[in-house]
N, C-alpha and C. Protein backbone atom coordinates (compact mmCIF):
# COMPACT_ATOMS: atom_id res chain seq x y z
N MET A 1 16.34 -14.84 -19.39
CA MET A 1 16.49 -13.45 -19.80
C MET A 1 15.61 -13.23 -21.02
N SER A 2 14.86 -12.15 -21.02
CA SER A 2 13.95 -11.87 -22.11
C SER A 2 14.34 -10.57 -22.80
N ILE A 3 15.28 -10.70 -23.73
CA ILE A 3 15.68 -9.55 -24.53
C ILE A 3 15.55 -9.98 -25.99
N GLU A 4 14.81 -9.20 -26.75
CA GLU A 4 14.60 -9.55 -28.16
C GLU A 4 14.94 -8.37 -29.05
N ARG A 5 15.37 -8.69 -30.24
CA ARG A 5 15.73 -7.66 -31.21
C ARG A 5 14.46 -7.16 -31.91
N ARG A 6 14.34 -5.84 -32.03
CA ARG A 6 13.20 -5.22 -32.71
C ARG A 6 13.73 -4.17 -33.66
N GLY A 7 14.00 -4.59 -34.87
CA GLY A 7 14.57 -3.67 -35.86
C GLY A 7 15.99 -3.30 -35.48
N ASP A 8 16.24 -2.02 -35.26
CA ASP A 8 17.57 -1.56 -34.87
C ASP A 8 17.74 -1.48 -33.35
N SER A 9 16.75 -1.87 -32.60
CA SER A 9 16.82 -1.73 -31.15
C SER A 9 16.55 -3.08 -30.47
N PHE A 10 16.68 -3.08 -29.14
CA PHE A 10 16.47 -4.28 -28.34
C PHE A 10 15.45 -3.98 -27.24
N ARG A 11 14.50 -4.91 -27.09
CA ARG A 11 13.48 -4.74 -26.06
C ARG A 11 13.76 -5.74 -24.94
N ALA A 12 13.88 -5.21 -23.73
CA ALA A 12 14.10 -6.05 -22.54
C ALA A 12 12.81 -6.11 -21.75
N ARG A 13 12.46 -7.30 -21.32
CA ARG A 13 11.24 -7.50 -20.53
C ARG A 13 11.57 -8.31 -19.28
N VAL A 14 11.01 -7.91 -18.17
CA VAL A 14 11.14 -8.67 -16.92
C VAL A 14 9.78 -9.30 -16.66
N HIS A 15 9.79 -10.63 -16.51
CA HIS A 15 8.56 -11.40 -16.28
C HIS A 15 8.54 -11.93 -14.85
N ASP A 16 7.33 -12.18 -14.34
CA ASP A 16 7.24 -12.88 -13.07
C ASP A 16 7.17 -14.38 -13.34
N ARG A 17 6.94 -15.17 -12.31
CA ARG A 17 6.95 -16.62 -12.48
C ARG A 17 5.82 -17.13 -13.37
N THR A 18 4.73 -16.38 -13.43
CA THR A 18 3.60 -16.81 -14.25
C THR A 18 3.72 -16.37 -15.69
N GLY A 19 4.72 -15.55 -16.01
CA GLY A 19 4.90 -15.09 -17.38
C GLY A 19 4.37 -13.69 -17.62
N LYS A 20 3.77 -13.09 -16.61
CA LYS A 20 3.24 -11.74 -16.75
C LYS A 20 4.39 -10.74 -16.83
N VAL A 21 4.29 -9.80 -17.79
CA VAL A 21 5.35 -8.79 -17.95
C VAL A 21 5.21 -7.74 -16.85
N LEU A 22 6.26 -7.62 -16.03
CA LEU A 22 6.25 -6.65 -14.94
C LEU A 22 6.83 -5.32 -15.38
N SER A 23 7.81 -5.36 -16.28
CA SER A 23 8.46 -4.14 -16.73
C SER A 23 9.05 -4.39 -18.10
N SER A 24 9.02 -3.37 -18.95
CA SER A 24 9.53 -3.50 -20.31
C SER A 24 10.11 -2.18 -20.76
N ARG A 25 11.20 -2.25 -21.55
CA ARG A 25 11.83 -1.03 -22.05
C ARG A 25 12.64 -1.36 -23.29
N THR A 26 12.78 -0.38 -24.18
CA THR A 26 13.52 -0.57 -25.43
C THR A 26 14.82 0.23 -25.38
N PHE A 27 15.91 -0.37 -25.91
CA PHE A 27 17.23 0.25 -25.88
C PHE A 27 17.89 0.17 -27.25
N PRO A 28 18.81 1.10 -27.55
CA PRO A 28 19.50 1.06 -28.84
C PRO A 28 20.58 -0.03 -28.92
N SER A 29 21.13 -0.47 -27.77
CA SER A 29 22.18 -1.48 -27.82
C SER A 29 21.86 -2.65 -26.89
N LEU A 30 22.44 -3.80 -27.20
CA LEU A 30 22.23 -5.00 -26.40
C LEU A 30 22.83 -4.84 -25.01
N LYS A 31 23.97 -4.20 -24.90
CA LYS A 31 24.62 -4.00 -23.59
C LYS A 31 23.73 -3.18 -22.66
N GLU A 32 23.15 -2.09 -23.17
CA GLU A 32 22.26 -1.28 -22.34
C GLU A 32 21.06 -2.09 -21.88
N ALA A 33 20.51 -2.91 -22.78
CA ALA A 33 19.36 -3.73 -22.45
C ALA A 33 19.71 -4.74 -21.35
N LYS A 34 20.89 -5.38 -21.46
CA LYS A 34 21.30 -6.34 -20.44
C LYS A 34 21.54 -5.67 -19.09
N ASP A 35 22.17 -4.50 -19.11
CA ASP A 35 22.42 -3.77 -17.86
C ASP A 35 21.12 -3.39 -17.18
N TRP A 36 20.18 -2.83 -17.96
CA TRP A 36 18.89 -2.43 -17.39
C TRP A 36 18.13 -3.64 -16.87
N PHE A 37 18.18 -4.74 -17.62
CA PHE A 37 17.48 -5.96 -17.22
C PHE A 37 17.97 -6.44 -15.86
N ALA A 38 19.30 -6.45 -15.65
CA ALA A 38 19.85 -6.93 -14.39
C ALA A 38 19.41 -6.04 -13.22
N VAL A 39 19.47 -4.73 -13.42
CA VAL A 39 19.08 -3.79 -12.35
C VAL A 39 17.59 -3.90 -12.06
N GLU A 40 16.78 -3.95 -13.09
CA GLU A 40 15.32 -4.00 -12.92
C GLU A 40 14.90 -5.31 -12.24
N LYS A 41 15.52 -6.40 -12.64
CA LYS A 41 15.18 -7.69 -12.05
C LYS A 41 15.54 -7.70 -10.55
N ALA A 42 16.69 -7.14 -10.20
CA ALA A 42 17.09 -7.07 -8.79
C ALA A 42 16.13 -6.18 -8.00
N THR A 43 15.72 -5.08 -8.60
CA THR A 43 14.79 -4.16 -7.94
C THR A 43 13.46 -4.84 -7.67
N ILE A 44 12.94 -5.53 -8.66
CA ILE A 44 11.64 -6.21 -8.51
C ILE A 44 11.77 -7.34 -7.50
N ARG A 45 12.88 -8.07 -7.55
CA ARG A 45 13.07 -9.17 -6.60
C ARG A 45 13.12 -8.65 -5.16
N SER A 46 13.82 -7.52 -4.95
CA SER A 46 13.88 -6.97 -3.58
C SER A 46 12.51 -6.49 -3.13
N ALA A 47 11.72 -5.94 -4.06
CA ALA A 47 10.35 -5.51 -3.71
C ALA A 47 9.50 -6.72 -3.34
N MET A 48 9.66 -7.82 -4.08
CA MET A 48 8.90 -9.03 -3.76
C MET A 48 9.35 -9.61 -2.42
N ASP A 49 10.66 -9.56 -2.15
CA ASP A 49 11.15 -10.03 -0.86
C ASP A 49 10.58 -9.18 0.27
N TYR A 50 10.46 -7.87 0.05
CA TYR A 50 9.89 -6.99 1.07
C TYR A 50 8.43 -7.35 1.32
N GLN A 51 7.69 -7.61 0.24
CA GLN A 51 6.27 -7.96 0.41
C GLN A 51 6.13 -9.26 1.19
N ALA A 52 7.00 -10.24 0.91
CA ALA A 52 6.96 -11.50 1.65
C ALA A 52 7.31 -11.25 3.12
N TRP A 53 8.32 -10.42 3.37
CA TRP A 53 8.69 -10.09 4.75
C TRP A 53 7.54 -9.40 5.46
N LYS A 54 6.88 -8.49 4.75
CA LYS A 54 5.78 -7.72 5.35
C LYS A 54 4.63 -8.65 5.75
N ARG A 55 4.37 -9.69 4.93
CA ARG A 55 3.29 -10.62 5.25
C ARG A 55 3.62 -11.51 6.45
N THR A 56 4.90 -11.81 6.68
CA THR A 56 5.26 -12.75 7.74
C THR A 56 5.76 -12.01 8.98
N VAL A 57 6.99 -11.55 8.94
CA VAL A 57 7.60 -10.91 10.10
C VAL A 57 6.97 -9.55 10.38
N GLY A 58 6.76 -8.77 9.34
CA GLY A 58 6.20 -7.43 9.50
C GLY A 58 4.82 -7.44 10.11
N ALA A 59 4.03 -8.47 9.81
CA ALA A 59 2.68 -8.55 10.37
C ALA A 59 2.73 -8.73 11.88
N LYS A 60 3.78 -9.40 12.36
CA LYS A 60 3.91 -9.58 13.81
C LYS A 60 4.43 -8.31 14.48
N LEU A 61 5.35 -7.63 13.81
CA LEU A 61 5.93 -6.42 14.39
C LEU A 61 5.00 -5.22 14.31
N PHE A 62 4.26 -5.11 13.21
CA PHE A 62 3.38 -3.97 12.98
C PHE A 62 1.98 -4.46 12.67
N PRO A 63 1.20 -4.84 13.68
CA PRO A 63 -0.15 -5.36 13.42
C PRO A 63 -1.06 -4.27 12.86
N GLU A 64 -2.07 -4.71 12.15
CA GLU A 64 -3.05 -3.78 11.59
C GLU A 64 -3.79 -3.07 12.71
N PRO A 65 -4.00 -1.77 12.59
CA PRO A 65 -4.74 -1.06 13.64
C PRO A 65 -6.21 -1.47 13.64
N LYS A 66 -6.81 -1.39 14.84
CA LYS A 66 -8.23 -1.70 14.95
C LYS A 66 -9.04 -0.62 14.24
N PRO A 67 -10.13 -1.00 13.59
CA PRO A 67 -10.96 0.02 12.95
C PRO A 67 -11.66 0.91 14.00
N THR A 68 -11.82 2.18 13.68
CA THR A 68 -12.49 3.11 14.57
C THR A 68 -13.88 3.38 14.00
N PHE A 69 -14.88 3.27 14.85
CA PHE A 69 -16.26 3.47 14.42
C PHE A 69 -16.75 4.83 14.88
N LEU A 70 -17.68 5.40 14.13
CA LEU A 70 -18.24 6.70 14.46
C LEU A 70 -18.88 6.68 15.84
N ARG A 71 -19.50 5.58 16.20
CA ARG A 71 -20.14 5.47 17.52
C ARG A 71 -19.11 5.70 18.63
N ASP A 72 -17.94 5.07 18.50
CA ASP A 72 -16.89 5.22 19.51
C ASP A 72 -16.41 6.67 19.59
N ILE A 73 -16.28 7.32 18.44
CA ILE A 73 -15.84 8.72 18.41
C ILE A 73 -16.87 9.62 19.07
N LEU A 74 -18.16 9.39 18.79
CA LEU A 74 -19.21 10.21 19.40
C LEU A 74 -19.27 10.03 20.91
N ILE A 75 -19.10 8.81 21.38
CA ILE A 75 -19.10 8.56 22.82
C ILE A 75 -17.93 9.28 23.49
N ARG A 76 -16.77 9.17 22.89
CA ARG A 76 -15.60 9.84 23.48
C ARG A 76 -15.77 11.37 23.47
N TYR A 77 -16.31 11.90 22.37
CA TYR A 77 -16.55 13.35 22.30
C TYR A 77 -17.54 13.78 23.37
N ARG A 78 -18.61 13.00 23.53
CA ARG A 78 -19.63 13.33 24.53
C ARG A 78 -19.03 13.34 25.94
N ASP A 79 -18.21 12.35 26.23
CA ASP A 79 -17.67 12.21 27.59
C ASP A 79 -16.52 13.16 27.89
N GLU A 80 -15.71 13.50 26.88
CA GLU A 80 -14.51 14.30 27.15
C GLU A 80 -14.64 15.77 26.78
N VAL A 81 -15.42 16.10 25.77
CA VAL A 81 -15.45 17.48 25.28
C VAL A 81 -16.76 18.18 25.59
N ALA A 82 -17.88 17.51 25.32
CA ALA A 82 -19.19 18.15 25.43
C ALA A 82 -19.51 18.57 26.86
N ASP A 83 -18.95 17.90 27.84
CA ASP A 83 -19.22 18.23 29.24
C ASP A 83 -18.74 19.63 29.60
N HIS A 84 -17.78 20.15 28.89
CA HIS A 84 -17.17 21.44 29.25
C HIS A 84 -17.69 22.59 28.38
N GLN A 85 -18.75 22.37 27.64
CA GLN A 85 -19.28 23.42 26.77
C GLN A 85 -20.59 23.94 27.34
N ARG A 86 -20.91 25.17 26.91
CA ARG A 86 -22.24 25.68 27.25
C ARG A 86 -23.26 24.90 26.45
N GLY A 87 -24.39 24.66 27.02
CA GLY A 87 -25.44 23.89 26.34
C GLY A 87 -25.11 22.42 26.27
N TRP A 88 -24.39 21.94 27.27
CA TRP A 88 -23.94 20.55 27.24
C TRP A 88 -25.10 19.57 27.34
N VAL A 89 -26.19 19.97 27.97
CA VAL A 89 -27.34 19.06 28.10
C VAL A 89 -27.92 18.77 26.72
N GLN A 90 -28.13 19.83 25.91
CA GLN A 90 -28.66 19.63 24.57
C GLN A 90 -27.69 18.80 23.70
N THR A 91 -26.40 19.08 23.88
CA THR A 91 -25.40 18.32 23.11
C THR A 91 -25.41 16.85 23.52
N HIS A 92 -25.52 16.58 24.81
CA HIS A 92 -25.60 15.21 25.30
C HIS A 92 -26.81 14.51 24.69
N ASN A 93 -27.95 15.18 24.72
CA ASN A 93 -29.18 14.57 24.19
C ASN A 93 -29.02 14.26 22.70
N ARG A 94 -28.48 15.22 21.97
CA ARG A 94 -28.31 15.04 20.53
C ARG A 94 -27.34 13.90 20.23
N LEU A 95 -26.24 13.87 20.95
CA LEU A 95 -25.25 12.79 20.74
C LEU A 95 -25.82 11.43 21.14
N ASN A 96 -26.58 11.40 22.22
CA ASN A 96 -27.17 10.13 22.64
C ASN A 96 -28.14 9.59 21.60
N ARG A 97 -28.89 10.48 20.95
CA ARG A 97 -29.79 10.05 19.89
C ARG A 97 -29.00 9.49 18.70
N LEU A 98 -27.88 10.12 18.36
CA LEU A 98 -27.05 9.64 17.26
C LEU A 98 -26.41 8.30 17.60
N ILE A 99 -26.01 8.14 18.84
CA ILE A 99 -25.34 6.91 19.26
C ILE A 99 -26.31 5.73 19.25
N GLN A 100 -27.57 5.97 19.62
CA GLN A 100 -28.55 4.90 19.69
C GLN A 100 -28.90 4.35 18.30
N ASP A 101 -28.88 5.19 17.30
CA ASP A 101 -29.28 4.74 15.94
C ASP A 101 -28.28 3.86 15.29
């Protein structure tokens, strides 16, 4: 527990395993500092547990989406939308030039 006296008040700090300060706050009484410390530590621990879950189980349940490339979007637009417009030949030619580059 990292609570230190600072003049008339108490400063509570929550550290991670490496010693980095994750959260800090000053209180007028030791009881308030201890109460806040317990709640904050539990909150941070649950967030860390969620991050660990997300990396393991969550990665299997919710895989990262495949990246979408502009080329794929232009091809789909050309095949599904441009065919039904006036001047579709010019649009096809223009899109084909963009797709080739």
